[in-house]
Amino acid sequence: MKKRKEKMILECPDKTCPIHGNLKTRGNTFKGIVILKKQKRVAIEFERMTYVKKYERYTKSKTKMHARLPECMEKDIQIVDLIKIQECRPLSKIIHHVVIQKIKSKEGESKWMKSTQ
């Protein structure tokens, strides 16, 4: 049993990692493009369609969310990568989600960034 715990610590010492730690995820999942990367946090942005009742039409709107970035994924995830986040307990004032997995690397999304700039 002790060897098993030591192995887990070597993989990821982060207690708020959903894979190696004891953070439980629940609720909604979102896919988005990383627009900001800090030490233990990322910000993603994704588009959604919202209905405008007055005009009886849909408009595109962008949503920005902050998520906790586990230490075991810090090297893999870069800006412009497509990632998946899931809801968890509130970790800080603005962070209520955690990164689950990386879907695409930035090579596949480089055209998107050129068109927005």
N, C-alpha and C. Protein backbone atom coordinates (compact mmCIF):
# COMPACT_ATOMS: atom_id res chain seq x y z
N MET A 1 0.82 -1.19 0.00
CA MET A 1 0.00 0.00 0.00
C MET A 1 0.87 1.26 0.00
N LYS A 2 1.98 1.25 0.74
CA LYS A 2 2.84 2.41 0.80
C LYS A 2 3.50 2.69 -0.54
N LYS A 3 3.87 1.65 -1.27
CA LYS A 3 4.48 1.83 -2.58
C LYS A 3 3.51 2.49 -3.54
N ARG A 4 2.26 2.13 -3.43
CA ARG A 4 1.23 2.70 -4.31
C ARG A 4 1.09 4.20 -4.06
N LYS A 5 1.07 4.63 -2.80
CA LYS A 5 0.96 6.04 -2.47
C LYS A 5 2.20 6.80 -2.92
N GLU A 6 3.38 6.22 -2.74
CA GLU A 6 4.62 6.86 -3.18
C GLU A 6 4.63 7.06 -4.68
N LYS A 7 4.12 6.10 -5.42
CA LYS A 7 4.08 6.20 -6.88
C LYS A 7 3.15 7.33 -7.30
N MET A 8 2.01 7.47 -6.63
CA MET A 8 1.07 8.53 -6.94
C MET A 8 1.69 9.90 -6.66
N ILE A 9 2.46 10.01 -5.59
CA ILE A 9 3.11 11.28 -5.25
C ILE A 9 4.15 11.64 -6.30
N LEU A 10 4.87 10.67 -6.81
CA LEU A 10 5.86 10.93 -7.84
C LEU A 10 5.21 11.42 -9.14
N GLU A 11 4.03 10.92 -9.44
CA GLU A 11 3.35 11.32 -10.67
C GLU A 11 2.86 12.76 -10.59
N CYS A 12 2.16 13.08 -9.51
CA CYS A 12 1.57 14.41 -9.37
C CYS A 12 1.38 14.74 -7.89
N PRO A 13 2.13 15.70 -7.36
CA PRO A 13 2.00 16.03 -5.94
C PRO A 13 0.80 16.94 -5.64
N ASP A 14 0.05 17.32 -6.66
CA ASP A 14 -1.07 18.25 -6.53
C ASP A 14 -2.28 17.57 -5.89
N LYS A 15 -2.77 18.12 -4.78
CA LYS A 15 -3.94 17.54 -4.11
C LYS A 15 -5.24 17.85 -4.86
N THR A 16 -5.24 18.92 -5.64
CA THR A 16 -6.45 19.29 -6.38
C THR A 16 -6.40 18.82 -7.82
N CYS A 17 -5.76 17.70 -8.05
CA CYS A 17 -5.74 17.07 -9.37
C CYS A 17 -6.88 16.05 -9.43
N PRO A 18 -7.73 16.10 -10.47
CA PRO A 18 -8.85 15.15 -10.52
C PRO A 18 -8.40 13.71 -10.81
N ILE A 19 -7.21 13.54 -11.35
CA ILE A 19 -6.73 12.20 -11.71
C ILE A 19 -5.93 11.58 -10.56
N HIS A 20 -4.97 12.34 -10.01
CA HIS A 20 -4.08 11.81 -8.98
C HIS A 20 -4.44 12.26 -7.57
N GLY A 21 -5.17 13.34 -7.43
CA GLY A 21 -5.51 13.88 -6.12
C GLY A 21 -6.88 13.43 -5.65
N ASN A 22 -7.47 14.22 -4.76
CA ASN A 22 -8.77 13.85 -4.21
C ASN A 22 -9.86 14.86 -4.57
N LEU A 23 -9.74 15.53 -5.70
CA LEU A 23 -10.75 16.48 -6.16
C LEU A 23 -11.80 15.75 -6.98
N LYS A 24 -13.06 15.86 -6.57
CA LYS A 24 -14.15 15.19 -7.28
C LYS A 24 -14.79 16.16 -8.26
N THR A 25 -15.04 15.68 -9.45
CA THR A 25 -15.68 16.50 -10.47
C THR A 25 -17.14 16.10 -10.61
N ARG A 26 -17.95 17.07 -11.01
CA ARG A 26 -19.38 16.83 -11.17
C ARG A 26 -19.92 17.89 -12.11
N GLY A 27 -21.11 17.68 -12.61
CA GLY A 27 -21.78 18.73 -13.36
C GLY A 27 -21.35 18.86 -14.81
N ASN A 28 -21.39 20.08 -15.31
CA ASN A 28 -21.19 20.37 -16.73
C ASN A 28 -19.74 20.21 -17.17
N THR A 29 -19.58 19.86 -18.44
CA THR A 29 -18.26 19.85 -19.08
C THR A 29 -18.30 20.84 -20.23
N PHE A 30 -17.17 21.49 -20.48
CA PHE A 30 -17.06 22.47 -21.55
C PHE A 30 -15.79 22.22 -22.33
N LYS A 31 -15.82 22.52 -23.64
CA LYS A 31 -14.64 22.47 -24.49
C LYS A 31 -14.35 23.90 -24.93
N GLY A 32 -13.09 24.27 -24.88
CA GLY A 32 -12.73 25.62 -25.26
C GLY A 32 -11.27 25.75 -25.59
N ILE A 33 -10.92 26.92 -26.14
CA ILE A 33 -9.55 27.21 -26.55
C ILE A 33 -8.89 28.03 -25.45
N VAL A 34 -7.67 27.64 -25.09
CA VAL A 34 -6.94 28.32 -24.03
C VAL A 34 -6.49 29.69 -24.54
N ILE A 35 -6.90 30.74 -23.83
CA ILE A 35 -6.50 32.10 -24.22
C ILE A 35 -5.54 32.72 -23.22
N LEU A 36 -5.42 32.13 -22.02
CA LEU A 36 -4.53 32.63 -20.99
C LEU A 36 -4.02 31.45 -20.17
N LYS A 37 -2.72 31.46 -19.92
CA LYS A 37 -2.14 30.39 -19.09
C LYS A 37 -1.27 31.01 -18.01
N LYS A 38 -1.60 30.71 -16.76
CA LYS A 38 -0.80 31.15 -15.62
C LYS A 38 -0.28 29.90 -14.92
N GLN A 39 0.32 30.06 -13.74
CA GLN A 39 0.98 28.95 -13.07
C GLN A 39 0.04 27.80 -12.74
N LYS A 40 -1.09 28.04 -12.11
CA LYS A 40 -2.01 26.97 -11.75
C LYS A 40 -3.40 27.20 -12.30
N ARG A 41 -3.50 28.04 -13.35
CA ARG A 41 -4.82 28.41 -13.86
C ARG A 41 -4.75 28.65 -15.36
N VAL A 42 -5.84 28.31 -16.04
CA VAL A 42 -6.00 28.65 -17.46
C VAL A 42 -7.35 29.33 -17.63
N ALA A 43 -7.45 30.11 -18.69
CA ALA A 43 -8.73 30.71 -19.07
C ALA A 43 -9.06 30.20 -20.45
N ILE A 44 -10.28 29.72 -20.62
CA ILE A 44 -10.70 29.24 -21.94
C ILE A 44 -11.82 30.13 -22.45
N GLU A 45 -12.01 30.09 -23.77
CA GLU A 45 -13.06 30.86 -24.40
C GLU A 45 -13.74 29.97 -25.43
N PHE A 46 -15.07 30.03 -25.47
CA PHE A 46 -15.81 29.27 -26.46
C PHE A 46 -17.04 30.07 -26.90
N GLU A 47 -17.50 29.79 -28.11
CA GLU A 47 -18.66 30.47 -28.65
C GLU A 47 -19.92 29.68 -28.38
N ARG A 48 -21.02 30.41 -28.20
CA ARG A 48 -22.32 29.76 -28.03
C ARG A 48 -23.38 30.64 -28.67
N MET A 49 -24.52 30.07 -28.93
CA MET A 49 -25.63 30.80 -29.54
C MET A 49 -26.62 31.17 -28.44
N THR A 50 -26.97 32.45 -28.37
CA THR A 50 -27.96 32.92 -27.41
C THR A 50 -29.17 33.47 -28.16
N TYR A 51 -30.33 33.24 -27.62
CA TYR A 51 -31.57 33.67 -28.25
C TYR A 51 -31.95 35.06 -27.75
N VAL A 52 -32.23 35.98 -28.70
CA VAL A 52 -32.68 37.32 -28.37
C VAL A 52 -34.18 37.35 -28.59
N LYS A 53 -34.92 37.46 -27.51
CA LYS A 53 -36.38 37.36 -27.57
C LYS A 53 -37.00 38.51 -28.37
N LYS A 54 -36.46 39.70 -28.22
CA LYS A 54 -37.01 40.88 -28.89
C LYS A 54 -36.99 40.74 -30.41
N TYR A 55 -35.88 40.26 -30.95
CA TYR A 55 -35.73 40.14 -32.40
C TYR A 55 -36.03 38.75 -32.94
N GLU A 56 -36.32 37.81 -32.05
CA GLU A 56 -36.61 36.42 -32.40
C GLU A 56 -35.51 35.81 -33.28
N ARG A 57 -34.28 36.06 -32.87
CA ARG A 57 -33.12 35.54 -33.60
C ARG A 57 -32.05 35.08 -32.61
N TYR A 58 -31.07 34.38 -33.15
CA TYR A 58 -29.93 33.93 -32.35
C TYR A 58 -28.72 34.81 -32.66
N THR A 59 -27.90 35.04 -31.65
CA THR A 59 -26.64 35.75 -31.83
C THR A 59 -25.51 34.91 -31.26
N LYS A 60 -24.32 35.11 -31.83
CA LYS A 60 -23.14 34.44 -31.31
C LYS A 60 -22.60 35.26 -30.16
N SER A 61 -22.23 34.59 -29.09
CA SER A 61 -21.58 35.26 -27.97
C SER A 61 -20.45 34.38 -27.45
N LYS A 62 -19.42 35.01 -26.92
CA LYS A 62 -18.28 34.28 -26.40
C LYS A 62 -18.36 34.24 -24.89
N THR A 63 -17.98 33.10 -24.33
CA THR A 63 -17.96 32.91 -22.89
C THR A 63 -16.53 32.61 -22.47
N LYS A 64 -16.10 33.26 -21.39
CA LYS A 64 -14.75 33.06 -20.87
C LYS A 64 -14.86 32.43 -19.49
N MET A 65 -14.12 31.34 -19.27
CA MET A 65 -14.13 30.63 -17.99
C MET A 65 -12.71 30.37 -17.52
N HIS A 66 -12.53 30.36 -16.22
CA HIS A 66 -11.23 30.05 -15.62
C HIS A 66 -11.29 28.65 -15.03
N ALA A 67 -10.19 27.92 -15.15
CA ALA A 67 -10.13 26.55 -14.64
C ALA A 67 -8.78 26.28 -13.99
N ARG A 68 -8.77 25.38 -13.03
CA ARG A 68 -7.55 24.96 -12.34
C ARG A 68 -6.76 24.06 -13.25
N LEU A 69 -5.46 24.32 -13.36
CA LEU A 69 -4.56 23.51 -14.18
C LEU A 69 -3.70 22.65 -13.27
N PRO A 70 -3.92 21.32 -13.24
CA PRO A 70 -3.10 20.44 -12.39
C PRO A 70 -1.64 20.44 -12.82
N GLU A 71 -0.76 20.19 -11.87
CA GLU A 71 0.68 20.22 -12.13
C GLU A 71 1.11 19.18 -13.15
N CYS A 72 0.41 18.05 -13.21
CA CYS A 72 0.80 16.99 -14.15
C CYS A 72 0.48 17.36 -15.60
N MET A 73 -0.37 18.38 -15.84
CA MET A 73 -0.74 18.79 -17.19
C MET A 73 -0.12 20.12 -17.62
N GLU A 74 0.65 20.76 -16.74
CA GLU A 74 1.19 22.09 -17.04
C GLU A 74 2.08 22.11 -18.27
N LYS A 75 2.90 21.09 -18.46
CA LYS A 75 3.82 21.06 -19.59
C LYS A 75 3.11 20.74 -20.90
N ASP A 76 2.01 20.00 -20.85
CA ASP A 76 1.32 19.57 -22.06
C ASP A 76 0.44 20.67 -22.66
N ILE A 77 -0.17 21.48 -21.83
CA ILE A 77 -1.15 22.45 -22.31
C ILE A 77 -0.50 23.81 -22.54
N GLN A 78 -0.71 24.35 -23.74
CA GLN A 78 -0.18 25.65 -24.12
C GLN A 78 -1.34 26.54 -24.60
N ILE A 79 -1.05 27.81 -24.84
CA ILE A 79 -2.06 28.72 -25.37
C ILE A 79 -2.46 28.25 -26.76
N VAL A 80 -3.72 28.35 -27.09
CA VAL A 80 -4.37 27.98 -28.35
C VAL A 80 -4.69 26.49 -28.44
N ASP A 81 -4.43 25.71 -27.39
CA ASP A 81 -4.83 24.31 -27.37
C ASP A 81 -6.32 24.20 -27.07
N LEU A 82 -6.95 23.17 -27.59
CA LEU A 82 -8.35 22.88 -27.31
C LEU A 82 -8.39 21.90 -26.14
N ILE A 83 -9.05 22.29 -25.03
CA ILE A 83 -9.08 21.45 -23.84
C ILE A 83 -10.51 21.24 -23.37
N LYS A 84 -10.66 20.29 -22.47
CA LYS A 84 -11.96 19.97 -21.88
C LYS A 84 -11.87 20.22 -20.38
N ILE A 85 -12.86 20.98 -19.83
CA ILE A 85 -12.89 21.25 -18.41
C ILE A 85 -14.21 20.75 -17.83
N GLN A 86 -14.20 20.47 -16.54
CA GLN A 86 -15.41 19.98 -15.87
C GLN A 86 -15.59 20.72 -14.55
N GLU A 87 -16.84 20.85 -14.15
CA GLU A 87 -17.19 21.56 -12.92
C GLU A 87 -16.73 20.79 -11.69
N CYS A 88 -16.33 21.52 -10.65
CA CYS A 88 -15.95 20.93 -9.37
C CYS A 88 -16.36 21.90 -8.27
N ARG A 89 -15.96 21.64 -7.06
CA ARG A 89 -16.27 22.57 -5.96
C ARG A 89 -15.52 23.88 -6.19
N PRO A 90 -15.98 24.98 -5.61
CA PRO A 90 -15.26 26.25 -5.77
C PRO A 90 -13.86 26.17 -5.17
N LEU A 91 -12.86 26.45 -5.99
CA LEU A 91 -11.47 26.42 -5.53
C LEU A 91 -10.97 27.82 -5.17
N SER A 92 -11.55 28.84 -5.74
CA SER A 92 -11.24 30.23 -5.39
C SER A 92 -12.41 31.10 -5.83
N LYS A 93 -12.20 32.40 -5.82
CA LYS A 93 -13.29 33.32 -6.16
C LYS A 93 -13.79 33.12 -7.59
N ILE A 94 -12.87 32.88 -8.54
CA ILE A 94 -13.28 32.75 -9.95
C ILE A 94 -13.12 31.34 -10.51
N ILE A 95 -12.47 30.46 -9.79
CA ILE A 95 -12.20 29.11 -10.32
C ILE A 95 -13.19 28.10 -9.74
N HIS A 96 -14.04 27.56 -10.62
CA HIS A 96 -15.03 26.56 -10.25
C HIS A 96 -14.96 25.33 -11.17
N HIS A 97 -13.91 25.27 -11.99
CA HIS A 97 -13.74 24.17 -12.95
C HIS A 97 -12.30 23.68 -12.89
N VAL A 98 -12.08 22.48 -13.40
CA VAL A 98 -10.75 21.88 -13.44
C VAL A 98 -10.53 21.26 -14.82
N VAL A 99 -9.27 21.31 -15.30
CA VAL A 99 -8.93 20.75 -16.61
C VAL A 99 -8.94 19.23 -16.51
N ILE A 100 -9.65 18.60 -17.45
CA ILE A 100 -9.75 17.14 -17.47
C ILE A 100 -8.78 16.54 -18.49
N GLN A 101 -8.80 17.08 -19.73
CA GLN A 101 -7.94 16.53 -20.77
C GLN A 101 -7.67 17.54 -21.86
N LYS A 102 -6.64 17.24 -22.65
CA LYS A 102 -6.28 18.05 -23.81
C LYS A 102 -6.85 17.34 -25.04
N ILE A 103 -7.56 18.07 -25.89
CA ILE A 103 -8.18 17.46 -27.06
C ILE A 103 -7.31 17.64 -28.30
N LYS A 104 -6.91 18.88 -28.59
CA LYS A 104 -6.06 19.16 -29.75
C LYS A 104 -4.91 20.07 -29.35
N SER A 105 -3.78 19.91 -30.05
CA SER A 105 -2.65 20.79 -29.79
C SER A 105 -2.78 22.05 -30.63
N LYS A 106 -1.86 22.99 -30.45
CA LYS A 106 -2.00 24.28 -31.10
C LYS A 106 -1.73 24.24 -32.61
N GLU A 107 -1.14 23.20 -33.15
CA GLU A 107 -0.92 23.13 -34.59
C GLU A 107 -2.24 23.09 -35.35
N GLY A 108 -3.23 22.39 -34.80
CA GLY A 108 -4.53 22.28 -35.45
C GLY A 108 -5.36 23.54 -35.36
N GLU A 109 -5.08 24.40 -34.39
CA GLU A 109 -5.88 25.60 -34.17
C GLU A 109 -5.18 26.88 -34.58
N SER A 110 -4.01 26.81 -35.23
CA SER A 110 -3.28 28.02 -35.57
C SER A 110 -4.03 28.88 -36.58
N LYS A 111 -4.83 28.30 -37.45
CA LYS A 111 -5.60 29.07 -38.43
C LYS A 111 -6.63 29.93 -37.72
N TRP A 112 -7.21 29.40 -36.62
CA TRP A 112 -8.22 30.14 -35.88
C TRP A 112 -7.64 31.41 -35.27
N MET A 113 -6.45 31.32 -34.72
CA MET A 113 -5.83 32.48 -34.09
C MET A 113 -5.46 33.55 -35.13
N LYS A 114 -5.01 33.15 -36.32
CA LYS A 114 -4.66 34.11 -37.36
C LYS A 114 -5.89 34.88 -37.84
N SER A 115 -7.03 34.21 -37.89
CA SER A 115 -8.25 34.87 -38.38
C SER A 115 -8.80 35.86 -37.37
N THR A 116 -8.56 35.65 -36.06
CA THR A 116 -9.09 36.55 -35.04
C THR A 116 -8.19 37.76 -34.81
N GLN A 117 -6.93 37.71 -35.22
CA GLN A 117 -6.03 38.83 -34.96
C GLN A 117 -5.98 39.82 -36.08
